[in-house]
Amino acid sequence: MNSEAFVDTIRKARQIINHSNQLAFDMNLMDIDGGFLGNVGTDALFKALIAAINCALDKHFLSSCGVQIIAEPAYYYVASAENYLCWRVLFYLNCEKMFNKLSTNRML
C-alpha cells in the first residue's frame, strides 16, 4: 500500500473542490473510502498510512474550509474477523463431511 497515492489523491481532491466551488457547486463532503490493509502484521503500515493522510489533510483541508471528511477503514477492522469466519466455516464443512463418512462406515 502506497501512502503517496493517498496523499496525491487528497491534493487532487482539493483542486477539484476548488474548481467546483468556482462553478457554484457546493462540495462539502469528502469520503476517504476503504482500501486499507487489515491483515495481521500490517499495523505499522496502517499507522504510517494514517500519519501521511492526516498530514495531507492538514495541508490541503484546514478545519475551517467547510469540507467534512469521513473515512471508512472497514476492511482494516473486519479483515481478521473475515479470516476467522472463513476458517470456521471451512472447519465445520469439513467436519460435517468427516462425520457423515464415519457415520456411514459404522452403519455398515
PDB file of N, CA and C in Angstrom:
ATOM      1  N   MET A   1       0.859  -1.165   0.000  1.00  0.00           N
ATOM      2  CA  MET A   1       0.000   0.000   0.000  1.00  0.00           C
ATOM      3  C   MET A   1       0.901   1.222   0.000  1.00  0.00           C
ATOM      4  N   ASN A   2       0.652   2.140  -0.900  1.00  0.00           N
ATOM      5  CA  ASN A   2       1.495   3.302  -1.088  1.00  0.00           C
ATOM      6  C   ASN A   2       0.814   4.537  -0.520  1.00  0.00           C
ATOM      7  N   SER A   3       1.417   5.145   0.495  1.00  0.00           N
ATOM      8  CA  SER A   3       0.816   6.334   1.102  1.00  0.00           C
ATOM      9  C   SER A   3       0.818   7.515   0.137  1.00  0.00           C
ATOM     10  N   GLU A   4       1.779   7.537  -0.790  1.00  0.00           N
ATOM     11  CA  GLU A   4       1.829   8.639  -1.762  1.00  0.00           C
ATOM     12  C   GLU A   4       0.577   8.685  -2.635  1.00  0.00           C
ATOM     13  N   ALA A   5      -0.017   7.548  -2.900  1.00  0.00           N
ATOM     14  CA  ALA A   5      -1.251   7.516  -3.698  1.00  0.00           C
ATOM     15  C   ALA A   5      -2.362   8.262  -2.967  1.00  0.00           C
ATOM     16  N   PHE A   6      -2.472   8.041  -1.654  1.00  0.00           N
ATOM     17  CA  PHE A   6      -3.486   8.749  -0.870  1.00  0.00           C
ATOM     18  C   PHE A   6      -3.175  10.240  -0.794  1.00  0.00           C
ATOM     19  N   VAL A   7      -1.913  10.576  -0.552  1.00  0.00           N
ATOM     20  CA  VAL A   7      -1.504  11.981  -0.434  1.00  0.00           C
ATOM     21  C   VAL A   7      -1.780  12.721  -1.740  1.00  0.00           C
ATOM     22  N   ASP A   8      -1.412  12.123  -2.864  1.00  0.00           N
ATOM     23  CA  ASP A   8      -1.639  12.748  -4.170  1.00  0.00           C
ATOM     24  C   ASP A   8      -3.131  12.901  -4.461  1.00  0.00           C
ATOM     25  N   THR A   9      -3.912  11.905  -4.096  1.00  0.00           N
ATOM     26  CA  THR A   9      -5.362  11.967  -4.324  1.00  0.00           C
ATOM     27  C   THR A   9      -6.007  13.049  -3.475  1.00  0.00           C
ATOM     28  N   ILE A  10      -5.548  13.224  -2.250  1.00  0.00           N
ATOM     29  CA  ILE A  10      -6.082  14.284  -1.384  1.00  0.00           C
ATOM     30  C   ILE A  10      -5.759  15.650  -1.977  1.00  0.00           C
ATOM     31  N   ARG A  11      -4.540  15.814  -2.495  1.00  0.00           N
ATOM     32  CA  ARG A  11      -4.159  17.076  -3.147  1.00  0.00           C
ATOM     33  C   ARG A  11      -5.052  17.341  -4.360  1.00  0.00           C
ATOM     34  N   LYS A  12      -5.277  16.314  -5.170  1.00  0.00           N
ATOM     35  CA  LYS A  12      -6.131  16.473  -6.353  1.00  0.00           C
ATOM     36  C   LYS A  12      -7.586  16.738  -5.962  1.00  0.00           C
ATOM     37  N   ALA A  13      -8.038  16.128  -4.888  1.00  0.00           N
ATOM     38  CA  ALA A  13      -9.408  16.372  -4.415  1.00  0.00           C
ATOM     39  C   ALA A  13      -9.577  17.836  -4.030  1.00  0.00           C
ATOM     40  N   ARG A  14      -8.560  18.409  -3.407  1.00  0.00           N
ATOM     41  CA  ARG A  14      -8.618  19.835  -3.042  1.00  0.00           C
ATOM     42  C   ARG A  14      -8.763  20.684  -4.303  1.00  0.00           C
ATOM     43  N   GLN A  15      -8.008  20.365  -5.346  1.00  0.00           N
ATOM     44  CA  GLN A  15      -8.088  21.107  -6.605  1.00  0.00           C
ATOM     45  C   GLN A  15      -9.474  20.968  -7.230  1.00  0.00           C
ATOM     46  N   ILE A  16     -10.031  19.776  -7.202  1.00  0.00           N
ATOM     47  CA  ILE A  16     -11.365  19.543  -7.767  1.00  0.00           C
ATOM     48  C   ILE A  16     -12.419  20.316  -6.992  1.00  0.00           C
ATOM     49  N   ILE A  17     -12.324  20.299  -5.682  1.00  0.00           N
ATOM     50  CA  ILE A  17     -13.300  21.031  -4.858  1.00  0.00           C
ATOM     51  C   ILE A  17     -13.175  22.526  -5.102  1.00  0.00           C
ATOM     52  N   ASN A  18     -11.955  23.045  -5.203  1.00  0.00           N
ATOM     53  CA  ASN A  18     -11.771  24.468  -5.505  1.00  0.00           C
ATOM     54  C   ASN A  18     -12.402  24.824  -6.847  1.00  0.00           C
ATOM     55  N   HIS A  19     -12.163  23.989  -7.847  1.00  0.00           N
ATOM     56  CA  HIS A  19     -12.719  24.239  -9.180  1.00  0.00           C
ATOM     57  C   HIS A  19     -14.248  24.161  -9.159  1.00  0.00           C
ATOM     58  N   SER A  20     -14.788  23.190  -8.469  1.00  0.00           N
ATOM     59  CA  SER A  20     -16.252  23.058  -8.408  1.00  0.00           C
ATOM     60  C   SER A  20     -16.887  24.240  -7.689  1.00  0.00           C
ATOM     61  N   ASN A  21     -16.209  24.761  -6.676  1.00  0.00           N
ATOM     62  CA  ASN A  21     -16.736  25.942  -5.985  1.00  0.00           C
ATOM     63  C   ASN A  21     -16.788  27.151  -6.913  1.00  0.00           C
ATOM     64  N   GLN A  22     -15.826  27.267  -7.815  1.00  0.00           N
ATOM     65  CA  GLN A  22     -15.835  28.353  -8.796  1.00  0.00           C
ATOM     66  C   GLN A  22     -17.004  28.215  -9.765  1.00  0.00           C
ATOM     67  N   LEU A  23     -17.486  26.990  -9.948  1.00  0.00           N
ATOM     68  CA  LEU A  23     -18.619  26.734 -10.837  1.00  0.00           C
ATOM     69  C   LEU A  23     -19.943  26.690 -10.080  1.00  0.00           C
ATOM     70  N   ALA A  24     -19.922  27.137  -8.839  1.00  0.00           N
ATOM     71  CA  ALA A  24     -21.106  27.233  -7.974  1.00  0.00           C
ATOM     72  C   ALA A  24     -21.637  25.879  -7.504  1.00  0.00           C
ATOM     73  N   PHE A  25     -20.791  24.866  -7.494  1.00  0.00           N
ATOM     74  CA  PHE A  25     -21.154  23.588  -6.876  1.00  0.00           C
ATOM     75  C   PHE A  25     -20.600  23.588  -5.460  1.00  0.00           C
ATOM     76  N   ASP A  26     -21.455  23.280  -4.510  1.00  0.00           N
ATOM     77  CA  ASP A  26     -21.027  23.285  -3.115  1.00  0.00           C
ATOM     78  C   ASP A  26     -20.640  21.870  -2.693  1.00  0.00           C
ATOM     79  N   MET A  27     -19.385  21.541  -2.894  1.00  0.00           N
ATOM     80  CA  MET A  27     -18.900  20.223  -2.468  1.00  0.00           C
ATOM     81  C   MET A  27     -18.400  20.367  -1.036  1.00  0.00           C
ATOM     82  N   ASN A  28     -19.087  19.690  -0.131  1.00  0.00           N
ATOM     83  CA  ASN A  28     -18.720  19.854   1.274  1.00  0.00           C
ATOM     84  C   ASN A  28     -18.484  18.527   1.993  1.00  0.00           C
ATOM     85  N   LEU A  29     -18.317  17.451   1.244  1.00  0.00           N
ATOM     86  CA  LEU A  29     -18.057  16.149   1.849  1.00  0.00           C
ATOM     87  C   LEU A  29     -17.029  15.386   1.020  1.00  0.00           C
ATOM     88  N   MET A  30     -16.022  14.883   1.698  1.00  0.00           N
ATOM     89  CA  MET A  30     -15.037  14.032   1.035  1.00  0.00           C
ATOM     90  C   MET A  30     -14.956  12.727   1.818  1.00  0.00           C
ATOM     91  N   ASP A  31     -15.133  11.628   1.118  1.00  0.00           N
ATOM     92  CA  ASP A  31     -15.113  10.302   1.728  1.00  0.00           C
ATOM     93  C   ASP A  31     -13.841   9.582   1.300  1.00  0.00           C
ATOM     94  N   ILE A  32     -12.977   9.340   2.276  1.00  0.00           N
ATOM     95  CA  ILE A  32     -11.796   8.522   2.007  1.00  0.00           C
ATOM     96  C   ILE A  32     -12.255   7.093   2.204  1.00  0.00           C
ATOM     97  N   ASP A  33     -12.496   6.424   1.120  1.00  0.00           N
ATOM     98  CA  ASP A  33     -13.100   5.094   1.169  1.00  0.00           C
ATOM     99  C   ASP A  33     -12.089   4.058   1.628  1.00  0.00           C
ATOM    100  N   GLY A  34     -12.491   2.808   1.560  1.00  0.00           N
ATOM    101  CA  GLY A  34     -11.681   1.686   2.036  1.00  0.00           C
ATOM    102  C   GLY A  34     -10.373   1.526   1.312  1.00  0.00           C
ATOM    103  N   GLY A  35      -9.893   0.324   1.274  1.00  0.00           N
ATOM    104  CA  GLY A  35      -8.616   0.043   0.655  1.00  0.00           C
ATOM    105  C   GLY A  35      -7.491  -0.078   1.657  1.00  0.00           C
ATOM    106  N   PHE A  36      -7.818   0.068   2.940  1.00  0.00           N
ATOM    107  CA  PHE A  36      -6.797  -0.054   3.969  1.00  0.00           C
ATOM    108  C   PHE A  36      -6.548  -1.529   4.258  1.00  0.00           C
ATOM    109  N   LEU A  37      -5.303  -1.893   4.357  1.00  0.00           N
ATOM    110  CA  LEU A  37      -4.956  -3.279   4.669  1.00  0.00           C
ATOM    111  C   LEU A  37      -5.411  -3.635   6.075  1.00  0.00           C
ATOM    112  N   GLY A  38      -5.832  -4.851   6.268  1.00  0.00           N
ATOM    113  CA  GLY A  38      -6.276  -5.277   7.579  1.00  0.00           C
ATOM    114  C   GLY A  38      -5.716  -6.612   7.995  1.00  0.00           C
ATOM    115  N   ASN A  39      -4.733  -7.093   7.282  1.00  0.00           N
ATOM    116  CA  ASN A  39      -4.162  -8.396   7.607  1.00  0.00           C
ATOM    117  C   ASN A  39      -3.291  -8.307   8.850  1.00  0.00           C
ATOM    118  N   VAL A  40      -3.053  -9.436   9.450  1.00  0.00           N
ATOM    119  CA  VAL A  40      -2.186  -9.493  10.623  1.00  0.00           C
ATOM    120  C   VAL A  40      -0.796  -9.004  10.232  1.00  0.00           C
ATOM    121  N   GLY A  41      -0.218  -8.163  11.062  1.00  0.00           N
ATOM    122  CA  GLY A  41       1.121  -7.659  10.809  1.00  0.00           C
ATOM    123  C   GLY A  41       1.172  -6.381   9.999  1.00  0.00           C
ATOM    124  N   THR A  42       0.035  -5.774   9.724  1.00  0.00           N
ATOM    125  CA  THR A  42       0.031  -4.544   8.923  1.00  0.00           C
ATOM    126  C   THR A  42      -0.226  -3.310   9.770  1.00  0.00           C
ATOM    127  N   ASP A  43      -0.202  -3.440  11.096  1.00  0.00           N
ATOM    128  CA  ASP A  43      -0.482  -2.294  11.962  1.00  0.00           C
ATOM    129  C   ASP A  43       0.488  -1.141  11.732  1.00  0.00           C
ATOM    130  N   ALA A  44       1.784  -1.439  11.623  1.00  0.00           N
ATOM    131  CA  ALA A  44       2.778  -0.383  11.416  1.00  0.00           C
ATOM    132  C   ALA A  44       2.537   0.324  10.087  1.00  0.00           C
ATOM    133  N   LEU A  45       2.239  -0.442   9.055  1.00  0.00           N
ATOM    134  CA  LEU A  45       1.947   0.141   7.744  1.00  0.00           C
ATOM    135  C   LEU A  45       0.692   1.004   7.806  1.00  0.00           C
ATOM    136  N   PHE A  46      -0.337   0.521   8.509  1.00  0.00           N
ATOM    137  CA  PHE A  46      -1.581   1.273   8.652  1.00  0.00           C
ATOM    138  C   PHE A  46      -1.328   2.590   9.381  1.00  0.00           C
ATOM    139  N   LYS A  47      -0.538   2.557  10.447  1.00  0.00           N
ATOM    140  CA  LYS A  47      -0.234   3.780  11.209  1.00  0.00           C
ATOM    141  C   LYS A  47       0.551   4.774  10.365  1.00  0.00           C
ATOM    142  N   ALA A  48       1.498   4.292   9.568  1.00  0.00           N
ATOM    143  CA  ALA A  48       2.263   5.174   8.679  1.00  0.00           C
ATOM    144  C   ALA A  48       1.357   5.782   7.615  1.00  0.00           C
ATOM    145  N   LEU A  49       0.447   4.984   7.104  1.00  0.00           N
ATOM    146  CA  LEU A  49      -0.503   5.459   6.101  1.00  0.00           C
ATOM    147  C   LEU A  49      -1.403   6.545   6.682  1.00  0.00           C
ATOM    148  N   ILE A  50      -1.918   6.315   7.883  1.00  0.00           N
ATOM    149  CA  ILE A  50      -2.785   7.294   8.538  1.00  0.00           C
ATOM    150  C   ILE A  50      -2.024   8.579   8.829  1.00  0.00           C
ATOM    151  N   ALA A  51      -0.765   8.474   9.242  1.00  0.00           N
ATOM    152  CA  ALA A  51       0.045   9.667   9.501  1.00  0.00           C
ATOM    153  C   ALA A  51       0.205  10.495   8.227  1.00  0.00           C
ATOM    154  N   ALA A  52       0.467   9.829   7.104  1.00  0.00           N
ATOM    155  CA  ALA A  52       0.613  10.534   5.822  1.00  0.00           C
ATOM    156  C   ALA A  52      -0.702  11.175   5.395  1.00  0.00           C
ATOM    157  N   ILE A  53      -1.807  10.464   5.593  1.00  0.00           N
ATOM    158  CA  ILE A  53      -3.125  11.004   5.236  1.00  0.00           C
ATOM    159  C   ILE A  53      -3.448  12.221   6.093  1.00  0.00           C
ATOM    160  N   ASN A  54      -3.221  12.129   7.394  1.00  0.00           N
ATOM    161  CA  ASN A  54      -3.503  13.261   8.286  1.00  0.00           C
ATOM    162  C   ASN A  54      -2.661  14.475   7.936  1.00  0.00           C
ATOM    163  N   CYS A  55      -1.402  14.253   7.590  1.00  0.00           N
ATOM    164  CA  CYS A  55      -0.524  15.356   7.182  1.00  0.00           C
ATOM    165  C   CYS A  55      -1.061  16.027   5.917  1.00  0.00           C
ATOM    166  N   ALA A  56      -1.476  15.228   4.943  1.00  0.00           N
ATOM    167  CA  ALA A  56      -2.029  15.779   3.695  1.00  0.00           C
ATOM    168  C   ALA A  56      -3.335  16.522   3.952  1.00  0.00           C
ATOM    169  N   LEU A  57      -4.166  15.987   4.837  1.00  0.00           N
ATOM    170  CA  LEU A  57      -5.427  16.665   5.162  1.00  0.00           C
ATOM    171  C   LEU A  57      -5.165  17.991   5.854  1.00  0.00           C
ATOM    172  N   ASP A  58      -4.191  18.018   6.770  1.00  0.00           N
ATOM    173  CA  ASP A  58      -3.838  19.271   7.446  1.00  0.00           C
ATOM    174  C   ASP A  58      -3.327  20.305   6.452  1.00  0.00           C
ATOM    175  N   LYS A  59      -2.610  19.852   5.448  1.00  0.00           N
ATOM    176  CA  LYS A  59      -2.040  20.761   4.453  1.00  0.00           C
ATOM    177  C   LYS A  59      -3.101  21.289   3.485  1.00  0.00           C
ATOM    178  N   HIS A  60      -4.006  20.428   3.028  1.00  0.00           N
ATOM    179  CA  HIS A  60      -4.933  20.803   1.961  1.00  0.00           C
ATOM    180  C   HIS A  60      -6.357  21.103   2.423  1.00  0.00           C
ATOM    181  N   PHE A  61      -6.714  20.670   3.615  1.00  0.00           N
ATOM    182  CA  PHE A  61      -8.077  20.870   4.105  1.00  0.00           C
ATOM    183  C   PHE A  61      -8.042  21.378   5.541  1.00  0.00           C
ATOM    184  N   LEU A  62      -7.940  22.689   5.680  1.00  0.00           N
ATOM    185  CA  LEU A  62      -7.980  23.276   7.016  1.00  0.00           C
ATOM    186  C   LEU A  62      -9.336  22.991   7.643  1.00  0.00           C
ATOM    187  N   SER A  63      -9.382  22.940   8.954  1.00  0.00           N
ATOM    188  CA  SER A  63     -10.650  22.630   9.632  1.00  0.00           C
ATOM    189  C   SER A  63     -11.723  23.677   9.339  1.00  0.00           C
ATOM    190  N   SER A  64     -11.303  24.877   8.955  1.00  0.00           N
ATOM    191  CA  SER A  64     -12.269  25.942   8.659  1.00  0.00           C
ATOM    192  C   SER A  64     -12.682  25.991   7.189  1.00  0.00           C
ATOM    193  N   CYS A  65     -12.258  25.029   6.372  1.00  0.00           N
ATOM    194  CA  CYS A  65     -12.523  25.092   4.929  1.00  0.00           C
ATOM    195  C   CYS A  65     -13.954  24.715   4.569  1.00  0.00           C
ATOM    196  N   GLY A  66     -14.699  24.123   5.502  1.00  0.00           N
ATOM    197  CA  GLY A  66     -16.094  23.790   5.240  1.00  0.00           C
ATOM    198  C   GLY A  66     -16.319  22.436   4.603  1.00  0.00           C
ATOM    199  N   VAL A  67     -15.267  21.653   4.456  1.00  0.00           N
ATOM    200  CA  VAL A  67     -15.401  20.318   3.877  1.00  0.00           C
ATOM    201  C   VAL A  67     -15.325  19.296   5.013  1.00  0.00           C
ATOM    202  N   GLN A  68     -16.364  18.479   5.105  1.00  0.00           N
ATOM    203  CA  GLN A  68     -16.373  17.408   6.098  1.00  0.00           C
ATOM    204  C   GLN A  68     -15.674  16.198   5.486  1.00  0.00           C
ATOM    205  N   ILE A  69     -14.788  15.602   6.246  1.00  0.00           N
ATOM    206  CA  ILE A  69     -14.019  14.465   5.744  1.00  0.00           C
ATOM    207  C   ILE A  69     -14.348  13.247   6.592  1.00  0.00           C
ATOM    208  N   ILE A  70     -14.728  12.177   5.905  1.00  0.00           N
ATOM    209  CA  ILE A  70     -15.006  10.922   6.600  1.00  0.00           C
ATOM    210  C   ILE A  70     -14.124   9.833   6.002  1.00  0.00           C
ATOM    211  N   ALA A  71     -13.843   8.836   6.795  1.00  0.00           N
ATOM    212  CA  ALA A  71     -13.041   7.700   6.325  1.00  0.00           C
ATOM    213  C   ALA A  71     -13.763   6.424   6.711  1.00  0.00           C
ATOM    214  N   GLU A  72     -13.618   5.416   5.876  1.00  0.00           N
ATOM    215  CA  GLU A  72     -14.275   4.134   6.115  1.00  0.00           C
ATOM    216  C   GLU A  72     -13.247   3.009   6.064  1.00  0.00           C
ATOM    217  N   PRO A  73     -12.458   2.872   7.113  1.00  0.00           N
ATOM    218  CA  PRO A  73     -11.466   1.795   7.111  1.00  0.00           C
ATOM    219  C   PRO A  73     -12.066   0.454   7.519  1.00  0.00           C
ATOM    220  N   ALA A  74     -13.229   0.151   7.006  1.00  0.00           N
ATOM    221  CA  ALA A  74     -13.962  -1.052   7.428  1.00  0.00           C
ATOM    222  C   ALA A  74     -13.156  -2.320   7.200  1.00  0.00           C
ATOM    223  N   TYR A  75     -12.505  -2.433   6.064  1.00  0.00           N
ATOM    224  CA  TYR A  75     -11.744  -3.649   5.774  1.00  0.00           C
ATOM    225  C   TYR A  75     -10.649  -3.853   6.814  1.00  0.00           C
ATOM    226  N   TYR A  76     -10.027  -2.736   7.242  1.00  0.00           N
ATOM    227  CA  TYR A  76      -8.984  -2.827   8.261  1.00  0.00           C
ATOM    228  C   TYR A  76      -9.529  -3.452   9.535  1.00  0.00           C
ATOM    229  N   TYR A  77     -10.749  -3.083   9.896  1.00  0.00           N
ATOM    230  CA  TYR A  77     -11.325  -3.564  11.146  1.00  0.00           C
ATOM    231  C   TYR A  77     -11.928  -4.961  11.037  1.00  0.00           C
ATOM    232  N   VAL A  78     -12.375  -5.366   9.869  1.00  0.00           N
ATOM    233  CA  VAL A  78     -13.059  -6.658   9.758  1.00  0.00           C
ATOM    234  C   VAL A  78     -12.246  -7.744   9.060  1.00  0.00           C
ATOM    235  N   ALA A  79     -11.085  -7.417   8.537  1.00  0.00           N
ATOM    236  CA  ALA A  79     -10.314  -8.422   7.803  1.00  0.00           C
ATOM    237  C   ALA A  79      -9.988  -9.626   8.676  1.00  0.00           C
ATOM    238  N   SER A  80      -9.574  -9.379   9.902  1.00  0.00           N
ATOM    239  CA  SER A  80      -9.255 -10.503  10.787  1.00  0.00           C
ATOM    240  C   SER A  80     -10.501 -11.312  11.105  1.00  0.00           C
ATOM    241  N   ALA A  81     -11.611 -10.635  11.339  1.00  0.00           N
ATOM    242  CA  ALA A  81     -12.865 -11.337  11.620  1.00  0.00           C
ATOM    243  C   ALA A  81     -13.309 -12.143  10.406  1.00  0.00           C
ATOM    244  N   GLU A  82     -13.119 -11.578   9.232  1.00  0.00           N
ATOM    245  CA  GLU A  82     -13.481 -12.278   7.995  1.00  0.00           C
ATOM    246  C   GLU A  82     -12.640 -13.543   7.845  1.00  0.00           C
ATOM    247  N   ASN A  83     -11.356 -13.424   8.101  1.00  0.00           N
ATOM    248  CA  ASN A  83     -10.474 -14.592   8.055  1.00  0.00           C
ATOM    249  C   ASN A  83     -10.929 -15.659   9.028  1.00  0.00           C
ATOM    250  N   TYR A  84     -11.217 -15.252  10.244  1.00  0.00           N
ATOM    251  CA  TYR A  84     -11.646 -16.187  11.286  1.00  0.00           C
ATOM    252  C   TYR A  84     -12.930 -16.891  10.868  1.00  0.00           C
ATOM    253  N   LEU A  85     -13.885 -16.122  10.373  1.00  0.00           N
ATOM    254  CA  LEU A  85     -15.171 -16.689   9.967  1.00  0.00           C
ATOM    255  C   LEU A  85     -14.993 -17.707   8.837  1.00  0.00           C
ATOM    256  N   CYS A  86     -14.191 -17.363   7.847  1.00  0.00           N
ATOM    257  CA  CYS A  86     -13.959 -18.293   6.729  1.00  0.00           C
ATOM    258  C   CYS A  86     -13.326 -19.591   7.215  1.00  0.00           C
ATOM    259  N   TRP A  87     -12.355 -19.481   8.095  1.00  0.00           N
ATOM    260  CA  TRP A  87     -11.717 -20.691   8.618  1.00  0.00           C
ATOM    261  C   TRP A  87     -12.701 -21.537   9.408  1.00  0.00           C
ATOM    262  N   ARG A  88     -13.571 -20.891  10.188  1.00  0.00           N
ATOM    263  CA  ARG A  88     -14.557 -21.639  10.973  1.00  0.00           C
ATOM    264  C   ARG A  88     -15.556 -22.352  10.060  1.00  0.00           C
ATOM    265  N   VAL A  89     -16.008 -21.667   9.030  1.00  0.00           N
ATOM    266  CA  VAL A  89     -16.956 -22.282   8.096  1.00  0.00           C
ATOM    267  C   VAL A  89     -16.307 -23.477   7.410  1.00  0.00           C
ATOM    268  N   LEU A  90     -15.086 -23.300   6.931  1.00  0.00           N
ATOM    269  CA  LEU A  90     -14.382 -24.415   6.286  1.00  0.00           C
ATOM    270  C   LEU A  90     -14.185 -25.578   7.255  1.00  0.00           C
ATOM    271  N   PHE A  91     -13.861 -25.265   8.495  1.00  0.00           N
ATOM    272  CA  PHE A  91     -13.677 -26.303   9.505  1.00  0.00           C
ATOM    273  C   PHE A  91     -14.965 -27.095   9.692  1.00  0.00           C
ATOM    274  N   TYR A  92     -16.082 -26.384   9.864  1.00  0.00           N
ATOM    275  CA  TYR A  92     -17.351 -27.079  10.082  1.00  0.00           C
ATOM    276  C   TYR A  92     -17.800 -27.867   8.853  1.00  0.00           C
ATOM    277  N   LEU A  93     -17.578 -27.320   7.674  1.00  0.00           N
ATOM    278  CA  LEU A  93     -17.941 -28.058   6.462  1.00  0.00           C
ATOM    279  C   LEU A  93     -17.132 -29.346   6.354  1.00  0.00           C
ATOM    280  N   ASN A  94     -15.851 -29.244   6.626  1.00  0.00           N
ATOM    281  CA  ASN A  94     -15.002 -30.440   6.563  1.00  0.00           C
ATOM    282  C   ASN A  94     -15.347 -31.429   7.666  1.00  0.00           C
ATOM    283  N   CYS A  95     -15.654 -30.934   8.860  1.00  0.00           N
ATOM    284  CA  CYS A  95     -16.025 -31.828   9.964  1.00  0.00           C
ATOM    285  C   CYS A  95     -17.327 -32.554   9.652  1.00  0.00           C
ATOM    286  N   GLU A  96     -18.259 -31.843   9.047  1.00  0.00           N
ATOM    287  CA  GLU A  96     -19.539 -32.474   8.694  1.00  0.00           C
ATOM    288  C   GLU A  96     -19.309 -33.606   7.693  1.00  0.00           C
ATOM    289  N   LYS A  97     -18.451 -33.389   6.715  1.00  0.00           N
ATOM    290  CA  LYS A  97     -18.148 -34.434   5.730  1.00  0.00           C
ATOM    291  C   LYS A  97     -17.499 -35.634   6.415  1.00  0.00           C
ATOM    292  N   MET A  98     -16.560 -35.351   7.321  1.00  0.00           N
ATOM    293  CA  MET A  98     -15.900 -36.454   8.024  1.00  0.00           C
ATOM    294  C   MET A  98     -16.891 -37.206   8.906  1.00  0.00           C
ATOM    295  N   PHE A  99     -17.761 -36.476   9.589  1.00  0.00           N
ATOM    296  CA  PHE A  99     -18.752 -37.095  10.468  1.00  0.00           C
ATOM    297  C   PHE A  99     -19.693 -37.986   9.666  1.00  0.00           C
ATOM    298  N   ASN A 100     -20.165 -37.476   8.532  1.00  0.00           N
ATOM    299  CA  ASN A 100     -21.057 -38.267   7.675  1.00  0.00           C
ATOM    300  C   ASN A 100     -20.355 -39.523   7.162  1.00  0.00           C
ATOM    301  N   LYS A 101     -19.099 -39.393   6.792  1.00  0.00           N
ATOM    302  CA  LYS A 101     -18.340 -40.540   6.293  1.00  0.00           C
ATOM    303  C   LYS A 101     -18.149 -41.575   7.404  1.00  0.00           C
ATOM    304  N   LEU A 102     -17.800 -41.116   8.596  1.00  0.00           N
ATOM    305  CA  LEU A 102     -17.611 -42.034   9.723  1.00  0.00           C
ATOM    306  C   LEU A 102     -18.921 -42.707  10.113  1.00  0.00           C
ATOM    307  N   SER A 103     -20.001 -41.938  10.124  1.00  0.00           N
ATOM    308  CA  SER A 103     -21.309 -42.490  10.497  1.00  0.00           C
ATOM    309  C   SER A 103     -21.759 -43.539   9.498  1.00  0.00           C
ATOM    310  N   THR A 104     -21.549 -43.296   8.223  1.00  0.00           N
ATOM    311  CA  THR A 104     -21.945 -44.239   7.181  1.00  0.00           C
ATOM    312  C   THR A 104     -21.143 -45.526   7.302  1.00  0.00           C
ATOM    313  N   ASN A 105     -19.848 -45.394   7.545  1.00  0.00           N
ATOM    314  CA  ASN A 105     -18.994 -46.582   7.679  1.00  0.00           C
ATOM    315  C   ASN A 105     -19.398 -47.423   8.882  1.00  0.00           C
ATOM    316  N   ARG A 106     -19.805 -46.805   9.953  1.00  0.00           N
ATOM    317  CA  ARG A 106     -20.173 -47.544  11.158  1.00  0.00           C
ATOM    318  C   ARG A 106     -21.502 -48.263  10.993  1.00  0.00           C
ATOM    319  N   MET A 107     -22.372 -47.736  10.170  1.00  0.00           N
ATOM    320  CA  MET A 107     -23.676 -48.364   9.971  1.00  0.00           C
ATOM    321  C   MET A 107     -23.551 -49.657   9.180  1.00  0.00           C
ATOM    322  N   LEU A 108     -22.521 -49.749   8.363  1.00  0.00           N
ATOM    323  CA  LEU A 108     -22.347 -50.939   7.531  1.00  0.00           C
ATOM    324  C   LEU A 108     -21.788 -52.010   8.376  1.00  0.00           C
TER     325      LEU A 108
END
